[in-house]
Structure formats: structure tokens, C-alpha cells
Amino acid sequence: MHSILLVSPCFPPVNTPDMHRLRLSIPFLKDYGISYDVLAVEPAWIEASTDPVLEEHVHFEHVHHVKAFSTKVTRKFGLGNLGYRSVLQLRKAGNRLLKQKNYDLIYFSTTAFPVMTLGRYWKKRFGLPFVIDMQDPWRNDFYLSKPRKERPPKFFIAHRLNSILERRTMKAVDGIVSVSAKYPEVLQERYNRRIPHAVIPFSASERDFELLRQIKLKNTVFRKDDSSIYAVYTGALTPGMTETMRFLLKQFRQLSEATDLKIKLVFVGTSYGKGVEEAYRVRPMAAELGMEDMVLEHPERVGYFETLQILREADLIIFPGSVDPGYTASKVFPYILSRKPLFVLSNSSSSVAEIVERSKAGRVICFRDMEDLLSREGEVYESLLALLMNLPDEMQIDMQAFEAYTERTMVRKQIGFFRELLSENRK
């Protein structure tokens, strides 16, 4: 039996996207002869809400919590990132566990990137290999080509720090699990090093929808009326989605003007912004296009299970795609399992199109870049119109094809990759 130390500062019941890889994997580890411990931060020290359903119904053993430095103190120095606030506490707790137990591997599954630097430290001190789960880019060059006014606050400071920490960590890492083939490709080229890697998207869970049916959760964001079609998007609107979303809004505006269809566009959890006005991502676009009455945006993140309930109440789920070729949306899996029809714009380099098409979950139109998407405007309009005029209540998902994306399949791939690395390490 192998033993793994799992590092995930945000862990259930904390309601953040980066905890789902481990949440869905852990229940199957024992089946594959894996024992584990989890290192996480106490929810009270994390600037994120907890999901009441996860709190009440989803529990794990062997979770070791630490505190973090309070943002009341650290924000005085311009520091709010959980990774920086908790790295010392996690190091201390990790040192204790690594002295007490015989682990074979350390696995970081988080987007609190500074915490990943502990892999290099623990490898040097305890001689253990470590693997990083790349869910997003650590050093993100997206804004380098953007005008200064479009860059986030403190962009260059953050970019410089991320560059230094990523470089030091990637020179020591033993393996990468990635949601996108693009991330390991970029990292290997950037650091001129072959890094063992496995491309494993996030999984989806039928068990989540089974639990949802049992608890009868209420959707607090909107109340449907029978005369309107509710098209829903849930999740953050990333920088690479801004123009594709604007394009999609225009298609809905034209449809509304050209037909008798009453369409309500609902956007939930679009932003991480703390202020009210700065949080809105879609509403300003809708105002520019003169379609405020069609759009309801709830920028704050709602609980994961309430998000599933919102998807179940949608008439149509929309996905605008991203101009970032490396972007792979894990949200597409619950979209599919909601069994509501999907209308998807997908970058040709993204795996989203293949996943939706193989599962027979909806309509997909691919594009290479924004110029290519604009040239397909007529095709997008006609495809969207045809779907709206004949919306099915539920899609007949090809579950045999979807089996490739279930949590058990993804866990099997992760464990296979870990064992391969450990075998190579012993040679």
C-alpha cells in the first residue's frame, strides 16, 4: 500500500473550485490501495464561503487543519493571497507528519501556488518526490500584452514573484498532473526540462446529483416564469472570455429582436471581486449593448450544490469559450450531468468541444481565435436559433462515452501516474 500526503489549503466545506479534484478522488483511494493524509487550512482563515451541503453531508477522515495569518494584518502590507498567509503553518504541520509517517509521495492540488514551493523544501529535507496539480497557470503571461489599464492591481509584482517561485519549483518537481495539455507543454519549454506529466481533467460525479435530489435545495438566485427561456452560465468569467461573451450576448440580442422568444440570461458566480460594482463582469457589457432587461448577473459565488440546482432549473446552459487555447473548463462536467441542453463556443485547442460532442450533450461551434469566431457569426446565430426553437427538456447523454470523465476513471489515471513515477524513482 502506498501512502500520500495531500496538500490542499482549501478543502471541504470551503467552497472553492480547486478543492474538487481531491474531494472527488479521496473516496476511491482505498480501492486502489492508497492511504492518505490531507493538509488544509481551517475554513475560518480563508476568504471564501463554506458550502452548507458539504458541511452537513460530506466528511473526510485524516484531515489536518492549520491556521493562517489574518488578512486584517497582512492586508496592511498589501497581502491577501492564502498561499503566502499559510505557507509557514503548512510547512510546520507537514514537517510533523513527515517525521511521524512513512509517505511515498506528496501531492499538491491547489491554486494557492506559493504553497507548492514546499515540495522543493520537503524533497530536499525528507527525500520524497512531489507532484503538482496544475489547474491554472502559476506564472500567467496573459496580461503582458495588455494595456496597463486592463491589468490587475499589483500585476508586475505578482508576476515577478510568481516567475521566481515557479522557476525554483519546476526545476525540482517530479511530475505534473494538468487539466490541460498546454500547461506542461509551456512549462517544459520555459525551463528546458522534460517533466513527467499526465493530462487529467477534473471529473464529474453522479453522486452529487443524487444527493441534490435527496436534499431538495432551493435556488436563491432567480425564480422562473413559464413564459421565458432561461439560459444560464455558472462560473467565473476569465479574462480570455470577455470578448467571446460579448459576442454571445450580441447573438442573443439579435434573436430577441428577430423572434417572439422571451429570453432571460442568468450569470452566477462570475467574479472574485469583493466590491459590488467592480464584481460585475457581464452587466456592463449588457448595458453597452442595450440589453440590461435580458440579463441577470449574480457575481458572487453560491454554494456548489446550489450551483447544481441552478443548472437543473435552467432551460439552456451556455458556455462562451475562451481565446486562451490552454483553457479547459472543469465546469463542463456538471453542465453535462445536469442533462440540460448545452450551447458551447469552444477554442479549437480546448478539450471542451470533444467532451461535449462525445457525450452528446449539446451543440458546439469551434473557433481558432476571435477573428475566426467573428467570421462564423451567421453559423452561431442559426445554430442557436435552431436549438432555442426546439429545446429538449433533458438531453439523452451518452453515459458510455461519459464514463471516461467520471471520478473513478480520473482517480485511476492519477494513481497510475503516481505509481509510474514511484517506479521510476526506485530505479
Protein backbone atom coordinates (compact mmCIF):
# COMPACT_ATOMS: atom_id res chain seq x y z
CA MET A 1 0.00 0.00 0.00
CA HIS A 2 1.26 3.46 -0.90
CA SER A 3 0.80 6.49 1.33
CA ILE A 4 0.34 10.04 0.02
CA LEU A 5 0.40 13.42 1.74
CA LEU A 6 -2.24 15.56 0.03
CA VAL A 7 -1.83 19.34 0.29
CA SER A 8 -4.94 21.40 -0.39
CA PRO A 9 -5.29 24.62 1.65
CA CYS A 10 -8.91 24.97 0.53
CA PHE A 11 -10.75 21.78 1.39
CA PRO A 12 -14.43 20.94 2.01
CA PRO A 13 -16.56 22.53 3.25
CA VAL A 14 -14.73 25.54 1.74
CA ASN A 15 -16.50 26.47 -1.49
CA THR A 16 -13.67 26.95 -3.99
CA PRO A 17 -13.15 25.22 -7.36
CA ASP A 18 -9.65 23.96 -6.60
CA MET A 19 -10.78 21.57 -3.85
CA HIS A 20 -12.91 19.40 -6.13
CA ARG A 21 -10.07 17.26 -7.52
CA LEU A 22 -9.34 15.83 -4.09
CA ARG A 23 -12.96 15.86 -2.92
CA LEU A 24 -13.91 13.55 -5.76
CA SER A 25 -10.73 11.45 -5.64
CA ILE A 26 -10.40 10.60 -1.95
CA PRO A 27 -13.44 8.26 -1.70
CA PHE A 28 -11.76 5.90 -4.21
CA LEU A 29 -8.18 5.92 -2.91
CA LYS A 30 -8.67 2.94 -0.61
CA ASP A 31 -9.93 0.87 -3.55
CA TYR A 32 -6.52 1.36 -5.18
CA GLY A 33 -4.51 0.59 -2.05
CA ILE A 34 -3.72 4.19 -1.16
CA SER A 35 -3.70 5.65 2.34
CA TYR A 36 -3.59 9.42 2.76
CA ASP A 37 -3.47 12.46 4.99
CA VAL A 38 -4.72 15.90 3.96
CA LEU A 39 -3.10 19.19 4.94
CA ALA A 40 -5.60 22.06 4.78
CA VAL A 41 -6.31 25.48 6.25
CA GLU A 42 -9.14 25.96 8.74
CA PRO A 43 -12.13 27.49 6.90
CA ALA A 44 -12.27 30.42 9.34
CA TRP A 45 -8.94 31.68 7.99
CA ILE A 46 -9.96 31.51 4.33
CA GLU A 47 -11.64 34.36 2.46
CA ALA A 48 -14.21 32.09 0.87
CA SER A 49 -17.62 30.87 1.91
CA THR A 50 -18.39 27.35 3.02
CA ASP A 51 -20.98 25.19 1.31
CA PRO A 52 -23.70 24.19 3.80
CA VAL A 53 -24.36 20.93 1.95
CA LEU A 54 -20.69 19.95 2.04
CA GLU A 55 -20.62 20.92 5.70
CA GLU A 56 -23.57 18.70 6.58
CA HIS A 57 -23.27 15.76 4.21
CA VAL A 58 -19.65 15.39 3.04
CA HIS A 59 -16.99 14.40 5.56
CA PHE A 60 -13.44 13.08 5.30
CA GLU A 61 -11.02 11.39 7.66
CA HIS A 62 -7.32 12.15 8.15
CA VAL A 63 -7.62 15.91 7.56
CA HIS A 64 -5.11 18.07 9.45
CA HIS A 65 -6.02 21.76 9.64
CA VAL A 66 -3.74 24.71 10.28
CA LYS A 67 -4.39 28.39 10.84
CA ALA A 68 -3.17 31.19 8.59
CA PHE A 69 -2.06 34.76 9.14
CA SER A 70 -5.11 37.01 9.36
CA THR A 71 -5.87 39.30 6.43
CA LYS A 72 -6.61 42.02 8.99
CA VAL A 73 -2.86 42.13 9.47
CA THR A 74 -1.48 41.05 6.10
CA ARG A 75 -3.62 43.41 4.02
CA LYS A 76 -1.88 46.32 5.73
CA PHE A 77 1.12 45.17 3.69
CA GLY A 78 -0.95 44.55 0.56
CA LEU A 79 -1.00 40.77 1.03
CA GLY A 80 -4.17 38.68 0.88
CA ASN A 81 -3.11 35.52 -1.00
CA LEU A 82 -3.89 32.42 1.06
CA GLY A 83 -0.75 30.68 -0.15
CA TYR A 84 1.54 33.28 1.38
CA ARG A 85 -0.60 33.54 4.52
CA SER A 86 -0.49 29.81 5.25
CA VAL A 87 2.79 28.50 3.86
CA LEU A 88 4.67 28.66 7.18
CA GLN A 89 1.88 26.96 9.11
CA LEU A 90 1.56 24.24 6.47
CA ARG A 91 5.32 23.72 6.49
CA LYS A 92 5.33 23.22 10.27
CA ALA A 93 2.39 20.76 10.17
CA GLY A 94 3.87 18.97 7.17
CA ASN A 95 7.23 18.59 8.91
CA ARG A 96 5.48 16.96 11.86
CA LEU A 97 3.54 14.50 9.67
CA LEU A 98 6.55 13.67 7.51
CA LYS A 99 8.57 12.82 10.63
CA GLN A 100 5.78 10.67 12.07
CA LYS A 101 4.74 8.68 8.98
CA ASN A 102 6.32 6.98 6.01
CA TYR A 103 4.87 8.63 2.91
CA ASP A 104 5.75 7.69 -0.64
CA LEU A 105 4.65 10.89 -2.37
CA ILE A 106 3.48 14.46 -1.76
CA TYR A 107 0.67 15.77 -3.98
CA PHE A 108 -0.25 19.46 -4.18
CA SER A 109 -3.76 20.08 -5.53
CA THR A 110 -4.44 23.79 -5.16
CA THR A 111 -4.36 27.17 -6.86
CA ALA A 112 -2.75 28.74 -3.76
CA PHE A 113 0.51 28.50 -5.70
CA PRO A 114 3.04 29.73 -3.07
CA VAL A 115 2.25 26.59 -1.06
CA MET A 116 3.71 24.47 -3.87
CA THR A 117 7.19 25.76 -3.01
CA LEU A 118 7.05 23.39 -0.02
CA GLY A 119 7.50 20.50 -2.44
CA ARG A 120 11.09 21.52 -3.14
CA TYR A 121 11.75 22.09 0.57
CA TRP A 122 10.31 18.73 1.66
CA LYS A 123 12.04 16.89 -1.17
CA LYS A 124 15.40 18.25 -0.02
CA ARG A 125 14.70 17.57 3.66
CA PHE A 126 12.87 14.22 3.51
CA GLY A 127 13.88 12.87 0.10
CA LEU A 128 10.27 12.49 -1.09
CA PRO A 129 9.09 13.06 -4.67
CA PHE A 130 6.32 15.60 -5.20
CA VAL A 131 3.66 16.12 -7.83
CA ILE A 132 1.81 19.34 -8.66
CA ASP A 133 -1.75 19.57 -9.94
CA MET A 134 -1.76 22.45 -12.44
CA GLN A 135 -5.36 23.62 -12.51
CA ASP A 136 -4.45 27.13 -13.72
CA PRO A 137 -1.24 28.79 -14.89
CA TRP A 138 1.03 29.77 -12.00
CA ARG A 139 3.01 32.40 -13.91
CA ASN A 140 0.32 33.87 -16.11
CA ASP A 141 1.61 35.92 -19.06
CA PHE A 142 -1.88 36.76 -20.37
CA TYR A 143 -1.75 40.41 -19.30
CA LEU A 144 1.78 41.14 -20.53
CA SER A 145 0.43 42.17 -23.92
CA LYS A 146 -2.50 44.13 -22.46
CA PRO A 147 -2.61 47.90 -21.85
CA ARG A 148 -1.72 48.93 -18.29
CA LYS A 149 -5.30 49.97 -17.51
CA GLU A 150 -6.54 46.42 -18.24
CA ARG A 151 -4.09 44.75 -15.87
CA PRO A 152 -5.00 43.71 -12.33
CA PRO A 153 -3.62 45.76 -9.42
CA LYS A 154 -0.02 44.89 -8.48
CA PHE A 155 0.28 42.82 -11.66
CA PHE A 156 4.03 43.23 -12.17
CA ILE A 157 4.87 42.49 -8.52
CA ALA A 158 2.72 39.35 -8.59
CA HIS A 159 4.11 38.31 -11.98
CA ARG A 160 7.69 38.73 -10.80
CA LEU A 161 7.11 36.73 -7.61
CA ASN A 162 5.24 34.00 -9.50
CA SER A 163 8.07 33.80 -12.04
CA ILE A 164 10.70 33.29 -9.33
CA LEU A 165 8.72 30.76 -7.30
CA GLU A 166 7.52 28.79 -10.33
CA ARG A 167 11.05 28.52 -11.74
CA ARG A 168 12.52 27.24 -8.46
CA THR A 169 9.70 24.73 -8.01
CA MET A 170 9.60 23.42 -11.57
CA LYS A 171 13.31 22.65 -11.51
CA ALA A 172 12.66 20.19 -8.68
CA VAL A 173 9.16 18.83 -9.37
CA ASP A 174 8.89 15.10 -10.12
CA GLY A 175 5.62 15.20 -12.02
CA ILE A 176 2.68 17.33 -13.11
CA VAL A 177 -0.99 16.46 -13.29
CA SER A 178 -2.68 19.03 -15.51
CA VAL A 179 -6.21 19.84 -16.63
CA SER A 180 -4.78 21.00 -19.97
CA ALA A 181 -2.05 19.69 -22.26
CA LYS A 182 -0.96 23.28 -22.78
CA TYR A 183 0.34 23.84 -19.23
CA PRO A 184 3.04 21.10 -19.13
CA GLU A 185 3.96 21.94 -22.72
CA VAL A 186 4.62 25.58 -21.78
CA LEU A 187 6.47 24.66 -18.57
CA GLN A 188 8.79 22.17 -20.30
CA GLU A 189 9.65 24.69 -22.99
CA ARG A 190 10.06 27.53 -20.48
CA TYR A 191 12.50 25.61 -18.26
CA ASN A 192 14.10 23.42 -20.93
CA ARG A 193 13.35 20.30 -18.95
CA ARG A 194 11.38 17.14 -19.60
CA ILE A 195 8.83 16.87 -16.79
CA PRO A 196 6.76 13.67 -16.48
CA HIS A 197 3.13 14.67 -16.75
CA ALA A 198 -0.40 13.39 -17.17
CA VAL A 199 -3.29 15.37 -18.63
CA ILE A 200 -6.26 14.56 -16.41
CA PRO A 201 -9.29 16.89 -16.44
CA PHE A 202 -11.44 17.34 -13.39
CA SER A 203 -14.11 14.68 -13.08
CA ALA A 204 -17.84 14.80 -12.53
CA SER A 205 -19.99 12.96 -10.04
CA GLU A 206 -23.42 11.46 -10.46
CA ARG A 207 -23.39 11.07 -6.68
CA ASP A 208 -23.55 14.86 -6.33
CA PHE A 209 -26.75 14.98 -8.36
CA GLU A 210 -28.18 12.04 -6.42
CA LEU A 211 -27.55 13.93 -3.16
CA LEU A 212 -29.07 17.05 -4.70
CA ARG A 213 -32.29 15.16 -5.46
CA GLN A 214 -32.47 13.95 -1.85
CA ILE A 215 -32.00 17.31 -0.12
CA LYS A 216 -34.29 19.42 -2.35
CA LEU A 217 -32.14 22.54 -2.29
CA LYS A 218 -33.61 25.96 -3.11
CA ASN A 219 -32.29 28.18 -5.89
CA THR A 220 -31.93 31.64 -4.29
CA VAL A 221 -30.74 33.47 -7.41
CA PHE A 222 -33.83 33.54 -9.63
CA ARG A 223 -37.40 32.36 -9.84
CA LYS A 224 -38.55 31.11 -13.21
CA ASP A 225 -41.65 32.18 -15.06
CA ASP A 226 -43.22 29.90 -17.66
CA SER A 227 -43.13 32.46 -20.47
CA SER A 228 -39.33 32.84 -20.63
CA ILE A 229 -36.40 30.68 -21.69
CA TYR A 230 -33.70 30.74 -19.02
CA ALA A 231 -30.19 30.45 -20.44
CA VAL A 232 -27.66 30.03 -17.63
CA TYR A 233 -23.90 30.34 -17.23
CA THR A 234 -22.25 29.50 -13.91
CA GLY A 235 -18.63 30.15 -13.00
CA ALA A 236 -16.01 32.85 -13.20
CA LEU A 237 -15.72 34.92 -16.36
CA THR A 238 -11.99 34.68 -17.01
CA PRO A 239 -10.08 37.38 -18.94
CA GLY A 240 -9.98 35.18 -22.03
CA MET A 241 -13.79 35.02 -22.09
CA THR A 242 -14.55 38.74 -22.20
CA GLU A 243 -14.78 39.12 -25.97
CA THR A 244 -16.41 35.74 -26.58
CA MET A 245 -19.07 36.59 -24.00
CA ARG A 246 -19.71 39.95 -25.68
CA PHE A 247 -20.07 38.12 -28.99
CA LEU A 248 -22.56 35.64 -27.50
CA LEU A 249 -24.61 38.42 -25.90
CA LYS A 250 -24.96 40.05 -29.32
CA GLN A 251 -26.36 36.81 -30.76
CA PHE A 252 -29.00 36.66 -28.04
CA ARG A 253 -29.88 40.31 -28.60
CA GLN A 254 -30.39 39.70 -32.32
CA LEU A 255 -32.53 36.63 -31.58
CA SER A 256 -34.67 38.60 -29.17
CA GLU A 257 -35.19 41.34 -31.75
CA ALA A 258 -35.91 38.96 -34.65
CA THR A 259 -38.24 36.50 -32.88
CA ASP A 260 -41.01 36.38 -30.28
CA LEU A 261 -38.79 34.43 -27.90
CA LYS A 262 -38.55 35.78 -24.36
CA ILE A 263 -35.02 35.03 -23.21
CA LYS A 264 -33.54 35.59 -19.77
CA LEU A 265 -29.76 35.29 -19.48
CA VAL A 266 -28.57 34.36 -15.98
CA PHE A 267 -24.93 34.56 -14.89
CA VAL A 268 -23.88 33.23 -11.48
CA GLY A 269 -20.51 33.40 -9.70
CA THR A 270 -18.84 35.41 -12.45
CA SER A 271 -16.36 37.29 -10.29
CA TYR A 272 -13.98 37.07 -7.35
CA GLY A 273 -14.33 40.82 -6.74
CA LYS A 274 -15.02 41.99 -3.20
CA GLY A 275 -16.73 45.30 -4.05
CA VAL A 276 -20.22 45.46 -5.53
CA GLU A 277 -19.66 47.43 -8.73
CA GLU A 278 -16.22 46.01 -9.52
CA ALA A 279 -17.60 42.48 -9.20
CA TYR A 280 -19.90 42.68 -12.22
CA ARG A 281 -18.46 41.24 -15.40
CA VAL A 282 -21.46 40.78 -17.69
CA ARG A 283 -23.80 43.59 -16.65
CA PRO A 284 -21.59 46.39 -18.03
CA MET A 285 -21.45 44.61 -21.40
CA ALA A 286 -25.22 44.17 -21.38
CA ALA A 287 -25.64 47.89 -20.65
CA GLU A 288 -23.39 48.79 -23.60
CA LEU A 289 -25.48 46.55 -25.85
CA GLY A 290 -28.78 47.92 -24.56
CA MET A 291 -29.98 44.57 -23.22
CA GLU A 292 -29.98 45.08 -19.44
CA ASP A 293 -33.56 43.82 -19.20
CA MET A 294 -32.45 40.43 -20.59
CA VAL A 295 -29.56 39.90 -18.17
CA LEU A 296 -29.46 38.89 -14.52
CA GLU A 297 -25.95 38.72 -13.06
CA HIS A 298 -25.23 37.40 -9.59
CA PRO A 299 -21.44 37.87 -9.43
CA GLU A 300 -20.90 36.29 -6.02
CA ARG A 301 -20.15 32.60 -5.83
CA VAL A 302 -23.01 30.49 -4.46
CA GLY A 303 -22.64 27.08 -2.85
CA TYR A 304 -21.51 24.25 -5.12
CA PHE A 305 -24.73 22.30 -4.63
CA GLU A 306 -26.88 25.37 -5.16
CA THR A 307 -24.98 25.84 -8.42
CA LEU A 308 -26.01 22.32 -9.43
CA GLN A 309 -29.61 23.16 -8.54
CA ILE A 310 -29.44 26.28 -10.71
CA LEU A 311 -28.18 24.17 -13.61
CA ARG A 312 -31.05 21.73 -13.12
CA GLU A 313 -33.56 24.61 -13.30
CA ALA A 314 -32.05 26.10 -16.47
CA ASP A 315 -33.70 25.63 -19.86
CA LEU A 316 -30.36 26.03 -21.61
CA ILE A 317 -26.75 26.16 -20.41
CA ILE A 318 -24.42 28.45 -22.33
CA PHE A 319 -20.64 28.45 -22.43
CA PRO A 320 -18.82 31.27 -24.26
CA GLY A 321 -15.41 29.61 -24.55
CA SER A 322 -12.06 31.36 -24.21
CA VAL A 323 -9.50 32.81 -26.58
CA ASP A 324 -6.88 31.19 -24.33
CA PRO A 325 -6.03 27.91 -26.13
CA GLY A 326 -4.88 26.31 -22.86
CA TYR A 327 -8.16 26.89 -21.04
CA THR A 328 -10.06 23.75 -20.09
CA ALA A 329 -13.29 24.27 -18.19
CA SER A 330 -13.91 21.75 -15.43
CA LYS A 331 -17.38 23.25 -15.11
CA VAL A 332 -18.38 21.46 -18.31
CA PHE A 333 -18.72 18.14 -16.44
CA PRO A 334 -21.54 19.19 -14.08
CA TYR A 335 -23.04 21.04 -17.04
CA ILE A 336 -23.30 17.72 -18.85
CA LEU A 337 -24.57 15.76 -15.85
CA SER A 338 -27.34 18.32 -15.32
CA ARG A 339 -28.71 16.84 -18.56
CA LYS A 340 -29.79 20.27 -19.75
CA PRO A 341 -29.03 21.20 -23.38
CA LEU A 342 -25.69 22.97 -23.85
CA PHE A 343 -24.73 25.64 -26.35
CA VAL A 344 -20.95 25.83 -26.43
CA LEU A 345 -18.41 28.05 -28.14
CA SER A 346 -15.04 26.34 -27.79
CA ASN A 347 -11.49 27.17 -28.71
CA SER A 348 -10.29 24.58 -31.22
CA SER A 349 -7.37 23.72 -28.92
CA SER A 350 -9.57 23.10 -25.89
CA SER A 351 -10.84 19.67 -24.86
CA VAL A 352 -14.29 21.12 -24.12
CA ALA A 353 -15.61 20.54 -27.64
CA GLU A 354 -14.59 16.88 -27.71
CA ILE A 355 -16.09 16.22 -24.26
CA VAL A 356 -19.47 17.77 -25.11
CA GLU A 357 -19.67 16.18 -28.56
CA ARG A 358 -18.71 12.69 -27.35
CA SER A 359 -21.30 12.91 -24.58
CA LYS A 360 -24.00 14.17 -27.00
CA ALA A 361 -24.77 16.95 -24.52
CA GLY A 362 -25.47 19.81 -26.90
CA ARG A 363 -24.28 21.95 -29.79
CA VAL A 364 -20.67 23.04 -30.20
CA ILE A 365 -19.07 25.59 -32.50
CA CYS A 366 -15.27 25.75 -32.51
CA PHE A 367 -13.06 28.74 -33.29
CA ARG A 368 -9.31 29.33 -33.57
CA ASP A 369 -9.29 32.93 -32.35
CA MET A 370 -11.60 35.92 -32.06
CA GLU A 371 -11.28 36.79 -35.74
CA ASP A 372 -12.33 33.26 -36.69
CA LEU A 373 -15.30 33.40 -34.30
CA LEU A 374 -16.49 36.70 -35.78
CA SER A 375 -16.38 35.15 -39.25
CA ARG A 376 -18.76 32.42 -38.00
CA GLU A 377 -21.40 34.81 -36.71
CA GLY A 378 -24.08 33.57 -39.12
CA GLU A 379 -23.39 29.94 -38.22
CA VAL A 380 -23.59 30.70 -34.49
CA TYR A 381 -26.83 32.63 -34.89
CA GLU A 382 -28.53 29.91 -36.95
CA SER A 383 -27.38 27.11 -34.64
CA LEU A 384 -28.55 28.96 -31.53
CA LEU A 385 -31.89 29.80 -33.13
CA ALA A 386 -32.49 26.18 -34.17
CA LEU A 387 -31.75 25.00 -30.63
CA LEU A 388 -33.97 27.59 -28.96
CA MET A 389 -36.89 26.81 -31.27
CA ASN A 390 -36.76 23.14 -30.30
CA LEU A 391 -35.37 22.94 -26.77
CA PRO A 392 -35.50 19.46 -25.22
CA ASP A 393 -36.36 19.22 -21.51
CA GLU A 394 -33.41 16.89 -20.98
CA MET A 395 -30.55 15.58 -23.09
CA GLN A 396 -30.03 11.87 -23.55
CA ILE A 397 -26.40 11.78 -22.51
CA ASP A 398 -24.18 9.02 -23.90
CA MET A 399 -23.13 7.70 -20.49
CA GLN A 400 -20.88 5.07 -22.04
CA ALA A 401 -18.82 7.83 -23.65
CA PHE A 402 -19.03 9.93 -20.49
CA GLU A 403 -17.56 7.08 -18.42
CA ALA A 404 -14.13 8.38 -19.48
CA TYR A 405 -14.76 11.51 -17.38
CA THR A 406 -16.18 10.05 -14.17
CA GLU A 407 -14.37 10.44 -10.85
CA ARG A 408 -13.41 6.74 -10.70
CA THR A 409 -11.78 6.91 -14.13
CA MET A 410 -9.88 10.08 -13.27
CA VAL A 411 -8.68 8.61 -9.95
CA ARG A 412 -7.45 5.50 -11.75
CA LYS A 413 -5.43 7.70 -14.12
CA GLN A 414 -3.93 9.69 -11.24
CA ILE A 415 -2.94 6.57 -9.31
CA GLY A 416 -1.47 5.01 -12.44
CA PHE A 417 0.64 8.11 -12.99
CA PHE A 418 1.81 8.18 -9.36
CA ARG A 419 2.82 4.52 -9.45
CA GLU A 420 4.71 5.07 -12.67
CA LEU A 421 6.64 7.94 -11.08
CA LEU A 422 7.41 5.95 -7.93
CA SER A 423 8.61 3.03 -10.03
CA GLU A 424 10.94 5.33 -11.99
CA ASN A 425 12.16 6.88 -8.74
CA ARG A 426 13.30 3.50 -7.41
CA LYS A 427 15.45 2.73 -10.45
